[in-house]
Amino acid sequence: MASATERWHRLVVVSAHPDDESLGVGGLITTAHRAGIDVYVVLLTAGEASHPPGREVTRHALATERLAEMDRAVELLAPGTPVVFLGAPDGGAADVEDQMVVALGDIVGDGEGTLLVAPWRHDGHPDHEAAGRAAAEVARSSGACLVEYPLVMWRLSEPDDAPWEQMVRLDLAPEVRETKLAAIRAHASQLRALSPDDPPALSGPMLAHFTGSAEHLVLTPADADALDPSDDALRQRA
């Protein structure tokens, strides 16, 4: 069976907001980087709408802070990895979906040997779903293999509603999990309350899910056929 490094030479991760990459696939990013696979991260929005604008923080200031947090987190996960920022509006990625397809297609290019990873098309958040649709379109045109990662689905849905039959599980080595946790902590704006009436964006069960010892990824049927379950980076069915 081919190893992950023989099958894939490039990992392109699409993140709709700063922190999606660390929460959803931080372990995969680190695993791929440590295996010698080239990693690229594509960020769609600055996440400026994660908190209501007010005296505590303006949207411009929050965008600036979150972009810096993203750079720190990715540097922890995969040192030297470039982050390409597309500048879509937070909450309005679907409005520029066609432009995202073009930009992401330019980045992916020839998809041979490329694992393209994006938020799940049915996640329940409009930006995540737009990102997933754009990535699916690029995968179809380029030949890249698409893997999707749920985010808010874990909060919005019951466990039985998850698409388990389409999922694979990536078990994280202890040192990989520690790196992922450090990257999540780098997104400090999402872990603190900006005011007494404004709770942290990441807290409770939602955060607990992403700090565990495994990541769950969704494969479409066509990509499931192309993906070797024995790959080092994607080894187990959920």
C-alpha atoms as a PDB file:
ATOM      1  CA  MET A   1       0.000   0.000   0.000  1.00  0.00           C
ATOM      2  CA  ALA A   2       1.211   3.515  -0.766  1.00  0.00           C
ATOM      3  CA  SER A   3       2.203   5.668   2.174  1.00  0.00           C
ATOM      4  CA  ALA A   4       0.810   9.154   2.645  1.00  0.00           C
ATOM      5  CA  THR A   5       4.019  10.750   1.388  1.00  0.00           C
ATOM      6  CA  GLU A   6       4.004   8.575  -1.740  1.00  0.00           C
ATOM      7  CA  ARG A   7       0.364   9.336  -2.524  1.00  0.00           C
ATOM      8  CA  TRP A   8       0.292  13.037  -1.548  1.00  0.00           C
ATOM      9  CA  HIS A   9       2.969  15.651  -2.040  1.00  0.00           C
ATOM     10  CA  ARG A  10       0.794  18.665  -1.211  1.00  0.00           C
ATOM     11  CA  LEU A  11      -1.889  19.502   1.349  1.00  0.00           C
ATOM     12  CA  VAL A  12      -4.046  22.581   0.686  1.00  0.00           C
ATOM     13  CA  VAL A  13      -6.234  23.535   3.632  1.00  0.00           C
ATOM     14  CA  VAL A  14      -9.127  25.969   3.210  1.00  0.00           C
ATOM     15  CA  SER A  15     -10.218  27.858   6.334  1.00  0.00           C
ATOM     16  CA  ALA A  16     -13.313  30.045   6.243  1.00  0.00           C
ATOM     17  CA  HIS A  17     -12.295  31.908   9.412  1.00  0.00           C
ATOM     18  CA  PRO A  18      -9.145  32.141  11.509  1.00  0.00           C
ATOM     19  CA  ASP A  19      -9.256  29.155  13.904  1.00  0.00           C
ATOM     20  CA  ASP A  20     -11.178  26.787  11.586  1.00  0.00           C
ATOM     21  CA  GLU A  21      -7.880  25.244  10.518  1.00  0.00           C
ATOM     22  CA  SER A  22      -6.654  24.661  14.068  1.00  0.00           C
ATOM     23  CA  LEU A  23      -9.962  23.337  15.383  1.00  0.00           C
ATOM     24  CA  GLY A  24     -10.914  21.112  12.492  1.00  0.00           C
ATOM     25  CA  VAL A  25      -7.656  19.815  11.055  1.00  0.00           C
ATOM     26  CA  GLY A  26      -4.800  21.115  13.179  1.00  0.00           C
ATOM     27  CA  GLY A  27      -3.664  17.556  13.766  1.00  0.00           C
ATOM     28  CA  LEU A  28      -3.775  16.718  10.066  1.00  0.00           C
ATOM     29  CA  ILE A  29      -1.780  19.832   9.210  1.00  0.00           C
ATOM     30  CA  THR A  30       0.928  18.950  11.719  1.00  0.00           C
ATOM     31  CA  THR A  31       0.956  15.274  10.733  1.00  0.00           C
ATOM     32  CA  ALA A  32       1.347  16.144   7.050  1.00  0.00           C
ATOM     33  CA  HIS A  33       4.062  18.732   7.707  1.00  0.00           C
ATOM     34  CA  ARG A  34       6.062  16.327   9.838  1.00  0.00           C
ATOM     35  CA  ALA A  35       5.742  13.690   7.115  1.00  0.00           C
ATOM     36  CA  GLY A  36       7.411  16.056   4.644  1.00  0.00           C
ATOM     37  CA  ILE A  37       4.267  17.006   2.719  1.00  0.00           C
ATOM     38  CA  ASP A  38       4.091  20.622   1.502  1.00  0.00           C
ATOM     39  CA  VAL A  39       1.273  22.479   3.293  1.00  0.00           C
ATOM     40  CA  TYR A  40      -0.589  25.578   2.127  1.00  0.00           C
ATOM     41  CA  VAL A  41      -3.388  27.319   4.028  1.00  0.00           C
ATOM     42  CA  VAL A  42      -6.014  29.442   2.284  1.00  0.00           C
ATOM     43  CA  LEU A  43      -7.994  31.798   4.537  1.00  0.00           C
ATOM     44  CA  LEU A  44     -11.252  33.186   3.165  1.00  0.00           C
ATOM     45  CA  THR A  45     -12.279  35.804   5.749  1.00  0.00           C
ATOM     46  CA  ALA A  46     -10.654  37.665   8.642  1.00  0.00           C
ATOM     47  CA  GLY A  47     -13.386  36.540  11.039  1.00  0.00           C
ATOM     48  CA  GLU A  48     -14.274  40.123  11.855  1.00  0.00           C
ATOM     49  CA  ALA A  49     -17.889  39.247  12.703  1.00  0.00           C
ATOM     50  CA  SER A  50     -17.119  36.741  15.461  1.00  0.00           C
ATOM     51  CA  HIS A  51     -18.131  39.324  18.090  1.00  0.00           C
ATOM     52  CA  PRO A  52     -20.637  42.181  17.908  1.00  0.00           C
ATOM     53  CA  PRO A  53     -18.873  45.500  17.252  1.00  0.00           C
ATOM     54  CA  GLY A  54     -18.842  47.830  20.235  1.00  0.00           C
ATOM     55  CA  ARG A  55     -16.731  49.794  22.641  1.00  0.00           C
ATOM     56  CA  GLU A  56     -14.615  46.756  23.479  1.00  0.00           C
ATOM     57  CA  VAL A  57     -13.454  46.088  19.918  1.00  0.00           C
ATOM     58  CA  THR A  58     -14.131  47.353  16.413  1.00  0.00           C
ATOM     59  CA  ARG A  59     -14.463  44.986  13.497  1.00  0.00           C
ATOM     60  CA  HIS A  60     -11.299  46.394  11.953  1.00  0.00           C
ATOM     61  CA  ALA A  61      -9.350  45.828  15.160  1.00  0.00           C
ATOM     62  CA  LEU A  62     -10.765  42.335  15.552  1.00  0.00           C
ATOM     63  CA  ALA A  63      -9.869  41.461  11.963  1.00  0.00           C
ATOM     64  CA  THR A  64      -6.301  42.653  12.516  1.00  0.00           C
ATOM     65  CA  GLU A  65      -6.020  40.656  15.735  1.00  0.00           C
ATOM     66  CA  ARG A  66      -7.473  37.501  14.232  1.00  0.00           C
ATOM     67  CA  LEU A  67      -5.210  37.572  11.192  1.00  0.00           C
ATOM     68  CA  ALA A  68      -2.188  37.812  13.478  1.00  0.00           C
ATOM     69  CA  GLU A  69      -3.528  34.931  15.567  1.00  0.00           C
ATOM     70  CA  MET A  70      -3.918  32.868  12.411  1.00  0.00           C
ATOM     71  CA  ASP A  71      -0.302  33.447  11.444  1.00  0.00           C
ATOM     72  CA  ARG A  72       0.872  32.379  14.912  1.00  0.00           C
ATOM     73  CA  ALA A  73      -1.315  29.268  14.922  1.00  0.00           C
ATOM     74  CA  VAL A  74      -0.219  28.069  11.485  1.00  0.00           C
ATOM     75  CA  GLU A  75       3.431  28.682  12.372  1.00  0.00           C
ATOM     76  CA  LEU A  76       2.949  26.368  15.358  1.00  0.00           C
ATOM     77  CA  LEU A  77       1.205  23.682  13.314  1.00  0.00           C
ATOM     78  CA  ALA A  78       3.523  23.726  10.310  1.00  0.00           C
ATOM     79  CA  PRO A  79       6.452  26.160  10.521  1.00  0.00           C
ATOM     80  CA  GLY A  80       7.078  28.022   7.296  1.00  0.00           C
ATOM     81  CA  THR A  81       3.635  27.298   5.842  1.00  0.00           C
ATOM     82  CA  PRO A  82       2.272  30.178   3.732  1.00  0.00           C
ATOM     83  CA  VAL A  83      -1.183  31.589   4.521  1.00  0.00           C
ATOM     84  CA  VAL A  84      -3.011  33.064   1.523  1.00  0.00           C
ATOM     85  CA  PHE A  85      -5.763  35.510   2.572  1.00  0.00           C
ATOM     86  CA  LEU A  86      -8.571  35.973   0.040  1.00  0.00           C
ATOM     87  CA  GLY A  87     -10.378  38.814   1.845  1.00  0.00           C
ATOM     88  CA  ALA A  88     -13.985  37.614   1.621  1.00  0.00           C
ATOM     89  CA  PRO A  89     -16.472  39.272   4.007  1.00  0.00           C
ATOM     90  CA  ASP A  90     -17.139  37.385   7.225  1.00  0.00           C
ATOM     91  CA  GLY A  91     -20.668  36.026   6.945  1.00  0.00           C
ATOM     92  CA  GLY A  92     -20.790  36.779   3.223  1.00  0.00           C
ATOM     93  CA  ALA A  93     -18.440  34.264   1.643  1.00  0.00           C
ATOM     94  CA  ALA A  94     -21.293  32.866  -0.450  1.00  0.00           C
ATOM     95  CA  ASP A  95     -21.633  36.262  -2.132  1.00  0.00           C
ATOM     96  CA  VAL A  96     -18.148  35.912  -3.623  1.00  0.00           C
ATOM     97  CA  GLU A  97     -18.154  32.152  -4.118  1.00  0.00           C
ATOM     98  CA  ASP A  98     -17.350  32.374  -7.834  1.00  0.00           C
ATOM     99  CA  GLN A  99     -14.295  34.505  -7.094  1.00  0.00           C
ATOM    100  CA  MET A 100     -13.221  32.026  -4.420  1.00  0.00           C
ATOM    101  CA  VAL A 101     -13.390  29.188  -6.947  1.00  0.00           C
ATOM    102  CA  VAL A 102     -11.117  31.102  -9.324  1.00  0.00           C
ATOM    103  CA  ALA A 103      -8.607  32.076  -6.621  1.00  0.00           C
ATOM    104  CA  LEU A 104      -8.529  28.619  -5.062  1.00  0.00           C
ATOM    105  CA  GLY A 105      -8.215  27.029  -8.486  1.00  0.00           C
ATOM    106  CA  ASP A 106      -5.149  29.163  -9.185  1.00  0.00           C
ATOM    107  CA  ILE A 107      -3.612  28.023  -5.905  1.00  0.00           C
ATOM    108  CA  VAL A 108      -4.377  24.320  -6.408  1.00  0.00           C
ATOM    109  CA  GLY A 109      -3.425  24.288 -10.090  1.00  0.00           C
ATOM    110  CA  ASP A 110      -2.834  20.738 -11.247  1.00  0.00           C
ATOM    111  CA  GLY A 111      -4.440  18.723  -8.471  1.00  0.00           C
ATOM    112  CA  GLU A 112      -2.371  15.594  -9.012  1.00  0.00           C
ATOM    113  CA  GLY A 113      -0.949  14.475  -5.691  1.00  0.00           C
ATOM    114  CA  THR A 114      -2.929  17.171  -3.861  1.00  0.00           C
ATOM    115  CA  LEU A 115      -5.159  16.577  -0.865  1.00  0.00           C
ATOM    116  CA  LEU A 116      -7.593  19.504  -0.684  1.00  0.00           C
ATOM    117  CA  VAL A 117      -9.188  19.983   2.736  1.00  0.00           C
ATOM    118  CA  ALA A 118     -12.109  22.344   3.384  1.00  0.00           C
ATOM    119  CA  PRO A 119     -15.051  22.882   5.734  1.00  0.00           C
ATOM    120  CA  TRP A 120     -17.953  20.493   5.134  1.00  0.00           C
ATOM    121  CA  ARG A 121     -20.508  21.617   2.540  1.00  0.00           C
ATOM    122  CA  HIS A 122     -23.377  20.745   4.924  1.00  0.00           C
ATOM    123  CA  ASP A 123     -21.863  22.099   8.129  1.00  0.00           C
ATOM    124  CA  GLY A 124     -24.638  24.541   9.024  1.00  0.00           C
ATOM    125  CA  HIS A 125     -22.635  27.770   8.742  1.00  0.00           C
ATOM    126  CA  PRO A 126     -22.987  29.717   5.462  1.00  0.00           C
ATOM    127  CA  ASP A 127     -19.295  30.578   5.191  1.00  0.00           C
ATOM    128  CA  HIS A 128     -18.235  26.998   5.885  1.00  0.00           C
ATOM    129  CA  GLU A 129     -20.675  25.668   3.329  1.00  0.00           C
ATOM    130  CA  ALA A 130     -19.555  28.185   0.692  1.00  0.00           C
ATOM    131  CA  ALA A 131     -15.942  27.193   1.331  1.00  0.00           C
ATOM    132  CA  GLY A 132     -16.836  23.532   0.935  1.00  0.00           C
ATOM    133  CA  ARG A 133     -18.727  24.117  -2.292  1.00  0.00           C
ATOM    134  CA  ALA A 134     -15.885  26.168  -3.751  1.00  0.00           C
ATOM    135  CA  ALA A 135     -13.361  23.481  -2.813  1.00  0.00           C
ATOM    136  CA  ALA A 136     -15.565  20.773  -4.332  1.00  0.00           C
ATOM    137  CA  GLU A 137     -15.720  22.687  -7.597  1.00  0.00           C
ATOM    138  CA  VAL A 138     -11.943  23.075  -7.645  1.00  0.00           C
ATOM    139  CA  ALA A 139     -11.455  19.400  -6.818  1.00  0.00           C
ATOM    140  CA  ARG A 140     -13.688  18.394  -9.726  1.00  0.00           C
ATOM    141  CA  SER A 141     -11.843  20.599 -12.204  1.00  0.00           C
ATOM    142  CA  SER A 142      -8.302  19.922 -10.985  1.00  0.00           C
ATOM    143  CA  GLY A 143      -8.420  16.279  -9.995  1.00  0.00           C
ATOM    144  CA  ALA A 144      -7.409  16.987  -6.402  1.00  0.00           C
ATOM    145  CA  CYS A 145      -8.807  14.664  -3.748  1.00  0.00           C
ATOM    146  CA  LEU A 146     -11.253  16.491  -1.473  1.00  0.00           C
ATOM    147  CA  VAL A 147     -11.655  15.888   2.251  1.00  0.00           C
ATOM    148  CA  GLU A 148     -14.077  17.996   4.304  1.00  0.00           C
ATOM    149  CA  TYR A 149     -14.140  18.770   8.014  1.00  0.00           C
ATOM    150  CA  PRO A 150     -17.235  19.541  10.101  1.00  0.00           C
ATOM    151  CA  LEU A 151     -17.125  22.405  12.573  1.00  0.00           C
ATOM    152  CA  VAL A 152     -20.425  23.809  13.890  1.00  0.00           C
ATOM    153  CA  MET A 153     -22.153  20.554  12.924  1.00  0.00           C
ATOM    154  CA  TRP A 154     -20.906  19.122  16.195  1.00  0.00           C
ATOM    155  CA  ARG A 155     -22.853  21.817  18.067  1.00  0.00           C
ATOM    156  CA  LEU A 156     -25.936  22.046  15.857  1.00  0.00           C
ATOM    157  CA  SER A 157     -26.616  18.343  15.319  1.00  0.00           C
ATOM    158  CA  GLU A 158     -27.150  15.254  17.419  1.00  0.00           C
ATOM    159  CA  PRO A 159     -24.378  12.638  17.284  1.00  0.00           C
ATOM    160  CA  ASP A 160     -26.576  10.243  15.310  1.00  0.00           C
ATOM    161  CA  ASP A 161     -26.987  12.903  12.614  1.00  0.00           C
ATOM    162  CA  ALA A 162     -23.277  12.929  11.743  1.00  0.00           C
ATOM    163  CA  PRO A 163     -22.417  11.288   8.399  1.00  0.00           C
ATOM    164  CA  TRP A 164     -20.447   8.515  10.077  1.00  0.00           C
ATOM    165  CA  GLU A 165     -20.582   6.218   7.029  1.00  0.00           C
ATOM    166  CA  GLN A 166     -18.660   8.856   5.041  1.00  0.00           C
ATOM    167  CA  MET A 167     -16.119   9.682   7.735  1.00  0.00           C
ATOM    168  CA  VAL A 168     -12.599   8.658   8.545  1.00  0.00           C
ATOM    169  CA  ARG A 169     -10.860   9.232  11.863  1.00  0.00           C
ATOM    170  CA  LEU A 170      -7.360  10.572  12.291  1.00  0.00           C
ATOM    171  CA  ASP A 171      -5.960   9.568  15.665  1.00  0.00           C
ATOM    172  CA  LEU A 172      -3.508  12.162  16.943  1.00  0.00           C
ATOM    173  CA  ALA A 173      -0.205  11.207  18.482  1.00  0.00           C
ATOM    174  CA  PRO A 174       0.254  12.883  21.896  1.00  0.00           C
ATOM    175  CA  GLU A 175       2.854  15.349  20.611  1.00  0.00           C
ATOM    176  CA  VAL A 176       0.639  16.236  17.640  1.00  0.00           C
ATOM    177  CA  ARG A 177      -2.318  16.833  19.949  1.00  0.00           C
ATOM    178  CA  GLU A 178      -0.205  19.124  22.119  1.00  0.00           C
ATOM    179  CA  THR A 179       0.787  21.131  19.048  1.00  0.00           C
ATOM    180  CA  LYS A 180      -2.852  21.398  18.011  1.00  0.00           C
ATOM    181  CA  LEU A 181      -3.849  22.618  21.487  1.00  0.00           C
ATOM    182  CA  ALA A 182      -1.132  25.271  21.350  1.00  0.00           C
ATOM    183  CA  ALA A 183      -2.461  26.436  17.985  1.00  0.00           C
ATOM    184  CA  ILE A 184      -6.006  26.664  19.344  1.00  0.00           C
ATOM    185  CA  ARG A 185      -4.719  28.729  22.263  1.00  0.00           C
ATOM    186  CA  ALA A 186      -3.057  31.073  19.756  1.00  0.00           C
ATOM    187  CA  HIS A 187      -6.582  32.156  18.727  1.00  0.00           C
ATOM    188  CA  ALA A 188      -6.869  34.024  22.019  1.00  0.00           C
ATOM    189  CA  SER A 189      -9.604  36.424  20.903  1.00  0.00           C
ATOM    190  CA  GLN A 190     -11.980  33.479  20.573  1.00  0.00           C
ATOM    191  CA  LEU A 191     -11.214  32.125  24.029  1.00  0.00           C
ATOM    192  CA  ARG A 192     -11.920  35.236  26.072  1.00  0.00           C
ATOM    193  CA  ALA A 193     -15.068  37.192  26.820  1.00  0.00           C
ATOM    194  CA  LEU A 194     -14.878  40.688  25.390  1.00  0.00           C
ATOM    195  CA  SER A 195     -17.536  41.912  27.813  1.00  0.00           C
ATOM    196  CA  PRO A 196     -19.692  40.458  30.640  1.00  0.00           C
ATOM    197  CA  ASP A 197     -22.564  40.059  28.182  1.00  0.00           C
ATOM    198  CA  ASP A 198     -20.449  38.578  25.401  1.00  0.00           C
ATOM    199  CA  PRO A 199     -19.249  35.021  26.171  1.00  0.00           C
ATOM    200  CA  PRO A 200     -16.222  33.527  24.439  1.00  0.00           C
ATOM    201  CA  ALA A 201     -16.834  32.340  20.894  1.00  0.00           C
ATOM    202  CA  LEU A 202     -15.173  29.031  21.786  1.00  0.00           C
ATOM    203  CA  SER A 203     -16.191  27.440  25.048  1.00  0.00           C
ATOM    204  CA  GLY A 204     -17.884  24.442  26.624  1.00  0.00           C
ATOM    205  CA  PRO A 205     -18.743  21.297  24.653  1.00  0.00           C
ATOM    206  CA  MET A 206     -17.920  22.953  21.328  1.00  0.00           C
ATOM    207  CA  LEU A 207     -14.323  23.544  22.379  1.00  0.00           C
ATOM    208  CA  ALA A 208     -14.086  20.207  24.172  1.00  0.00           C
ATOM    209  CA  HIS A 209     -14.815  18.317  20.961  1.00  0.00           C
ATOM    210  CA  PHE A 210     -11.846  19.836  19.170  1.00  0.00           C
ATOM    211  CA  THR A 211      -9.352  19.271  21.976  1.00  0.00           C
ATOM    212  CA  GLY A 212      -9.706  15.494  21.944  1.00  0.00           C
ATOM    213  CA  SER A 213      -7.318  12.888  20.585  1.00  0.00           C
ATOM    214  CA  ALA A 214      -8.871  12.448  17.130  1.00  0.00           C
ATOM    215  CA  GLU A 215     -10.176  14.402  14.137  1.00  0.00           C
ATOM    216  CA  HIS A 216     -13.100  13.334  11.964  1.00  0.00           C
ATOM    217  CA  LEU A 217     -13.143  14.039   8.242  1.00  0.00           C
ATOM    218  CA  VAL A 218     -15.865  13.581   5.635  1.00  0.00           C
ATOM    219  CA  LEU A 219     -15.193  11.938   2.279  1.00  0.00           C
ATOM    220  CA  THR A 220     -17.516  12.118  -0.701  1.00  0.00           C
ATOM    221  CA  PRO A 221     -18.109   8.697  -2.302  1.00  0.00           C
ATOM    222  CA  ALA A 222     -15.838   9.461  -5.280  1.00  0.00           C
ATOM    223  CA  ASP A 223     -13.010  10.661  -3.066  1.00  0.00           C
ATOM    224  CA  ALA A 224     -13.482   7.736  -0.687  1.00  0.00           C
ATOM    225  CA  ASP A 225     -12.704   5.424  -3.619  1.00  0.00           C
ATOM    226  CA  ALA A 226      -9.545   7.393  -4.433  1.00  0.00           C
ATOM    227  CA  LEU A 227      -8.307   7.598  -0.847  1.00  0.00           C
ATOM    228  CA  ASP A 228      -6.335   4.674   0.514  1.00  0.00           C
ATOM    229  CA  PRO A 229      -7.538   4.073   4.104  1.00  0.00           C
ATOM    230  CA  SER A 230      -4.074   2.721   4.949  1.00  0.00           C
ATOM    231  CA  ASP A 231      -2.465   6.140   4.369  1.00  0.00           C
ATOM    232  CA  ASP A 232      -0.481   7.213   7.393  1.00  0.00           C
ATOM    233  CA  ALA A 233      -2.375  10.525   7.576  1.00  0.00           C
ATOM    234  CA  LEU A 234      -5.887   9.025   7.227  1.00  0.00           C
ATOM    235  CA  ARG A 235      -5.871   5.581   8.664  1.00  0.00           C
ATOM    236  CA  GLN A 236      -9.146   4.654  10.299  1.00  0.00           C
ATOM    237  CA  ARG A 237     -12.816   4.651   9.555  1.00  0.00           C
ATOM    238  CA  ALA A 238     -14.826   6.625  12.101  1.00  0.00           C
END
